[in-house]
Amino acid sequence: MSPLLTHAVTATLVLYALAMALALLRVLRGPRAQDRVLAIDFMFVVAMLAMLVLAIRYDSRMYFEGALLMALFGFVGSSAMAKFLLRGEVIE
């Protein structure tokens, strides 16, 4: 891997960590439950992107599969939380 790509990957991971920290702050201080759910969904997306960057860095396909599973579970979890916040129940 070229030195430019190495520095770009490192900078990207640092910025993703900063984004996750800010989202965690929103989860802890969010005034409403909707803010917290949106912040958790954002954290899933950023974690998935970080896994994709790690897949590029380490040249491994396992990270891609993990990112795919993370996207799936993040979507299902966000859908369940949104339904719970709207109706008060998840399973009808």
N, C-alpha and C. Protein backbone atom coordinates (compact mmCIF):
# COMPACT_ATOMS: atom_id res chain seq x y z
N MET A 1 0.85 -1.17 0.00
CA MET A 1 0.00 0.00 0.00
C MET A 1 0.89 1.23 0.00
N SER A 2 0.50 2.21 -0.77
CA SER A 2 1.31 3.42 -0.90
C SER A 2 1.23 4.26 0.36
N PRO A 3 2.25 5.08 0.61
CA PRO A 3 2.22 5.93 1.81
C PRO A 3 1.04 6.92 1.82
N LEU A 4 0.66 7.40 0.65
CA LEU A 4 -0.47 8.33 0.58
C LEU A 4 -1.76 7.64 1.01
N LEU A 5 -1.96 6.41 0.54
CA LEU A 5 -3.15 5.66 0.91
C LEU A 5 -3.13 5.31 2.40
N THR A 6 -1.97 5.01 2.93
CA THR A 6 -1.85 4.71 4.35
C THR A 6 -2.25 5.91 5.20
N HIS A 7 -1.78 7.09 4.83
CA HIS A 7 -2.13 8.30 5.58
C HIS A 7 -3.60 8.65 5.40
N ALA A 8 -4.14 8.43 4.22
CA ALA A 8 -5.56 8.72 3.98
C ALA A 8 -6.45 7.79 4.80
N VAL A 9 -6.09 6.53 4.87
CA VAL A 9 -6.86 5.57 5.66
C VAL A 9 -6.80 5.92 7.13
N THR A 10 -5.62 6.29 7.61
CA THR A 10 -5.47 6.66 9.02
C THR A 10 -6.28 7.91 9.34
N ALA A 11 -6.22 8.92 8.48
CA ALA A 11 -7.00 10.14 8.70
C ALA A 11 -8.50 9.84 8.67
N THR A 12 -8.91 8.97 7.77
CA THR A 12 -10.32 8.60 7.69
C THR A 12 -10.79 7.91 8.96
N LEU A 13 -9.99 7.00 9.47
CA LEU A 13 -10.37 6.30 10.70
C LEU A 13 -10.42 7.24 11.90
N VAL A 14 -9.52 8.21 11.95
CA VAL A 14 -9.55 9.20 13.04
C VAL A 14 -10.82 10.05 12.96
N LEU A 15 -11.18 10.47 11.76
CA LEU A 15 -12.39 11.28 11.60
C LEU A 15 -13.64 10.46 11.89
N TYR A 16 -13.64 9.19 11.53
CA TYR A 16 -14.77 8.33 11.89
C TYR A 16 -14.88 8.16 13.40
N ALA A 17 -13.75 8.05 14.08
CA ALA A 17 -13.78 7.96 15.55
C ALA A 17 -14.34 9.24 16.15
N LEU A 18 -13.98 10.38 15.60
CA LEU A 18 -14.53 11.65 16.08
C LEU A 18 -16.04 11.70 15.85
N ALA A 19 -16.49 11.25 14.69
CA ALA A 19 -17.92 11.23 14.40
C ALA A 19 -18.66 10.30 15.35
N MET A 20 -18.06 9.16 15.67
CA MET A 20 -18.69 8.23 16.62
C MET A 20 -18.77 8.84 18.01
N ALA A 21 -17.73 9.57 18.40
CA ALA A 21 -17.74 10.21 19.72
C ALA A 21 -18.84 11.27 19.80
N LEU A 22 -19.00 12.04 18.74
CA LEU A 22 -20.06 13.06 18.73
C LEU A 22 -21.45 12.41 18.73
N ALA A 23 -21.59 11.31 18.02
CA ALA A 23 -22.87 10.60 18.02
C ALA A 23 -23.15 10.00 19.39
N LEU A 24 -22.13 9.50 20.06
CA LEU A 24 -22.30 8.97 21.41
C LEU A 24 -22.73 10.07 22.37
N LEU A 25 -22.19 11.25 22.18
CA LEU A 25 -22.60 12.40 22.99
C LEU A 25 -24.08 12.69 22.77
N ARG A 26 -24.55 12.59 21.53
CA ARG A 26 -25.96 12.82 21.24
C ARG A 26 -26.82 11.73 21.85
N VAL A 27 -26.32 10.50 21.88
CA VAL A 27 -27.07 9.41 22.51
C VAL A 27 -27.22 9.67 24.00
N LEU A 28 -26.17 10.13 24.63
CA LEU A 28 -26.21 10.36 26.07
C LEU A 28 -26.99 11.61 26.44
N ARG A 29 -26.94 12.65 25.62
CA ARG A 29 -27.57 13.92 25.97
C ARG A 29 -28.82 14.24 25.17
N GLY A 30 -29.21 13.34 24.26
CA GLY A 30 -30.35 13.62 23.39
C GLY A 30 -31.60 13.95 24.19
N PRO A 31 -32.29 15.03 23.85
CA PRO A 31 -33.46 15.39 24.65
C PRO A 31 -34.65 14.45 24.44
N ARG A 32 -34.74 13.83 23.27
CA ARG A 32 -35.88 12.95 23.00
C ARG A 32 -35.37 11.57 22.56
N ALA A 33 -36.26 10.62 22.60
CA ALA A 33 -35.90 9.26 22.20
C ALA A 33 -35.60 9.19 20.70
N GLN A 34 -36.29 10.01 19.91
CA GLN A 34 -36.05 10.01 18.47
C GLN A 34 -34.63 10.45 18.15
N ASP A 35 -34.11 11.42 18.90
CA ASP A 35 -32.73 11.87 18.70
C ASP A 35 -31.75 10.75 19.02
N ARG A 36 -32.05 10.02 20.06
CA ARG A 36 -31.16 8.92 20.44
C ARG A 36 -31.17 7.80 19.39
N VAL A 37 -32.34 7.47 18.87
CA VAL A 37 -32.43 6.42 17.85
C VAL A 37 -31.70 6.85 16.58
N LEU A 38 -31.85 8.09 16.19
CA LEU A 38 -31.16 8.58 15.01
C LEU A 38 -29.64 8.56 15.22
N ALA A 39 -29.18 8.90 16.41
CA ALA A 39 -27.75 8.87 16.70
C ALA A 39 -27.21 7.44 16.68
N ILE A 40 -27.98 6.50 17.20
CA ILE A 40 -27.55 5.10 17.17
C ILE A 40 -27.49 4.59 15.74
N ASP A 41 -28.46 4.98 14.92
CA ASP A 41 -28.44 4.59 13.51
C ASP A 41 -27.22 5.19 12.81
N PHE A 42 -26.91 6.43 13.13
CA PHE A 42 -25.72 7.06 12.57
C PHE A 42 -24.45 6.33 13.00
N MET A 43 -24.42 5.87 14.25
CA MET A 43 -23.25 5.14 14.72
C MET A 43 -23.10 3.81 13.98
N PHE A 44 -24.22 3.15 13.66
CA PHE A 44 -24.15 1.92 12.86
C PHE A 44 -23.55 2.21 11.50
N VAL A 45 -23.98 3.29 10.87
CA VAL A 45 -23.47 3.62 9.53
C VAL A 45 -21.98 3.94 9.59
N VAL A 46 -21.56 4.72 10.56
CA VAL A 46 -20.14 5.08 10.67
C VAL A 46 -19.30 3.86 11.00
N ALA A 47 -19.79 2.97 11.84
CA ALA A 47 -19.05 1.74 12.15
C ALA A 47 -18.93 0.86 10.91
N MET A 48 -19.99 0.82 10.12
CA MET A 48 -19.92 0.04 8.88
C MET A 48 -18.88 0.64 7.93
N LEU A 49 -18.87 1.96 7.81
CA LEU A 49 -17.88 2.60 6.95
C LEU A 49 -16.46 2.38 7.47
N ALA A 50 -16.29 2.40 8.78
CA ALA A 50 -14.97 2.13 9.35
C ALA A 50 -14.52 0.71 9.05
N MET A 51 -15.46 -0.23 9.09
CA MET A 51 -15.10 -1.61 8.74
C MET A 51 -14.70 -1.72 7.28
N LEU A 52 -15.36 -0.98 6.41
CA LEU A 52 -14.98 -1.00 5.00
C LEU A 52 -13.59 -0.40 4.79
N VAL A 53 -13.27 0.65 5.52
CA VAL A 53 -11.93 1.24 5.43
C VAL A 53 -10.89 0.26 5.97
N LEU A 54 -11.21 -0.44 7.04
CA LEU A 54 -10.28 -1.46 7.56
C LEU A 54 -10.10 -2.60 6.56
N ALA A 55 -11.15 -2.93 5.82
CA ALA A 55 -11.03 -3.96 4.79
C ALA A 55 -10.06 -3.53 3.70
N ILE A 56 -10.09 -2.26 3.36
CA ILE A 56 -9.14 -1.74 2.37
C ILE A 56 -7.73 -1.76 2.96
N ARG A 57 -7.60 -1.36 4.21
CA ARG A 57 -6.28 -1.28 4.83
C ARG A 57 -5.61 -2.64 4.96
N TYR A 58 -6.37 -3.64 5.42
CA TYR A 58 -5.79 -4.96 5.66
C TYR A 58 -5.99 -5.92 4.49
N ASP A 59 -6.66 -5.49 3.44
CA ASP A 59 -6.90 -6.30 2.25
C ASP A 59 -7.53 -7.64 2.63
N SER A 60 -8.65 -7.55 3.36
CA SER A 60 -9.33 -8.74 3.85
C SER A 60 -10.81 -8.68 3.47
N ARG A 61 -11.34 -9.81 3.03
CA ARG A 61 -12.75 -9.87 2.65
C ARG A 61 -13.66 -10.06 3.85
N MET A 62 -13.12 -10.49 4.96
CA MET A 62 -13.95 -10.72 6.14
C MET A 62 -14.57 -9.43 6.65
N TYR A 63 -13.87 -8.33 6.52
CA TYR A 63 -14.41 -7.04 6.95
C TYR A 63 -15.62 -6.64 6.10
N PHE A 64 -15.59 -6.98 4.81
CA PHE A 64 -16.73 -6.67 3.95
C PHE A 64 -17.97 -7.44 4.39
N GLU A 65 -17.79 -8.70 4.75
CA GLU A 65 -18.92 -9.48 5.23
C GLU A 65 -19.44 -8.95 6.56
N GLY A 66 -18.54 -8.56 7.42
CA GLY A 66 -18.95 -7.96 8.69
C GLY A 66 -19.70 -6.65 8.49
N ALA A 67 -19.25 -5.85 7.54
CA ALA A 67 -19.94 -4.59 7.24
C ALA A 67 -21.33 -4.85 6.68
N LEU A 68 -21.46 -5.88 5.87
CA LEU A 68 -22.78 -6.22 5.33
C LEU A 68 -23.73 -6.65 6.45
N LEU A 69 -23.24 -7.46 7.37
CA LEU A 69 -24.07 -7.87 8.50
C LEU A 69 -24.41 -6.69 9.40
N MET A 70 -23.47 -5.80 9.59
CA MET A 70 -23.72 -4.62 10.41
C MET A 70 -24.79 -3.73 9.78
N ALA A 71 -24.75 -3.58 8.47
CA ALA A 71 -25.77 -2.79 7.78
C ALA A 71 -27.14 -3.43 7.93
N LEU A 72 -27.20 -4.75 7.82
CA LEU A 72 -28.46 -5.47 7.95
C LEU A 72 -29.04 -5.32 9.35
N PHE A 73 -28.21 -5.56 10.37
CA PHE A 73 -28.70 -5.45 11.74
C PHE A 73 -29.03 -4.01 12.11
N GLY A 74 -28.29 -3.06 11.59
CA GLY A 74 -28.59 -1.66 11.85
C GLY A 74 -29.93 -1.26 11.28
N PHE A 75 -30.23 -1.72 10.06
CA PHE A 75 -31.52 -1.41 9.44
C PHE A 75 -32.66 -2.05 10.21
N VAL A 76 -32.53 -3.31 10.56
CA VAL A 76 -33.59 -4.00 11.29
C VAL A 76 -33.80 -3.37 12.66
N GLY A 77 -32.72 -3.03 13.34
CA GLY A 77 -32.83 -2.41 14.65
C GLY A 77 -33.47 -1.03 14.58
N SER A 78 -33.10 -0.24 13.59
CA SER A 78 -33.69 1.08 13.44
C SER A 78 -35.16 1.00 13.09
N SER A 79 -35.51 0.04 12.26
CA SER A 79 -36.93 -0.15 11.91
C SER A 79 -37.74 -0.56 13.13
N ALA A 80 -37.20 -1.46 13.93
CA ALA A 80 -37.91 -1.90 15.13
C ALA A 80 -38.07 -0.76 16.13
N MET A 81 -37.03 0.03 16.31
CA MET A 81 -37.13 1.16 17.25
C MET A 81 -38.10 2.21 16.75
N ALA A 82 -38.11 2.48 15.45
CA ALA A 82 -39.05 3.45 14.91
C ALA A 82 -40.49 2.98 15.09
N LYS A 83 -40.73 1.69 14.85
CA LYS A 83 -42.08 1.16 15.03
C LYS A 83 -42.47 1.20 16.50
N PHE A 84 -41.53 0.92 17.38
CA PHE A 84 -41.82 0.97 18.81
C PHE A 84 -42.15 2.40 19.25
N LEU A 85 -41.42 3.38 18.74
CA LEU A 85 -41.66 4.76 19.14
C LEU A 85 -42.99 5.28 18.56
N LEU A 86 -43.39 4.77 17.42
CA LEU A 86 -44.66 5.21 16.83
C LEU A 86 -45.87 4.56 17.49
N ARG A 87 -45.80 3.25 17.73
CA ARG A 87 -46.97 2.52 18.19
C ARG A 87 -46.88 2.03 19.63
N GLY A 88 -45.69 1.92 20.15
CA GLY A 88 -45.55 1.41 21.51
C GLY A 88 -45.39 -0.10 21.57
N GLU A 89 -45.39 -0.77 20.41
CA GLU A 89 -45.18 -2.22 20.36
C GLU A 89 -44.43 -2.55 19.08
N VAL A 90 -43.66 -3.62 19.14
CA VAL A 90 -42.88 -4.02 17.98
C VAL A 90 -43.57 -5.15 17.23
N ILE A 91 -44.07 -6.12 17.93
CA ILE A 91 -44.72 -7.27 17.31
C ILE A 91 -46.23 -7.12 17.48
N GLU A 92 -46.94 -7.27 16.38
CA GLU A 92 -48.40 -7.13 16.44
C GLU A 92 -49.05 -8.48 16.61
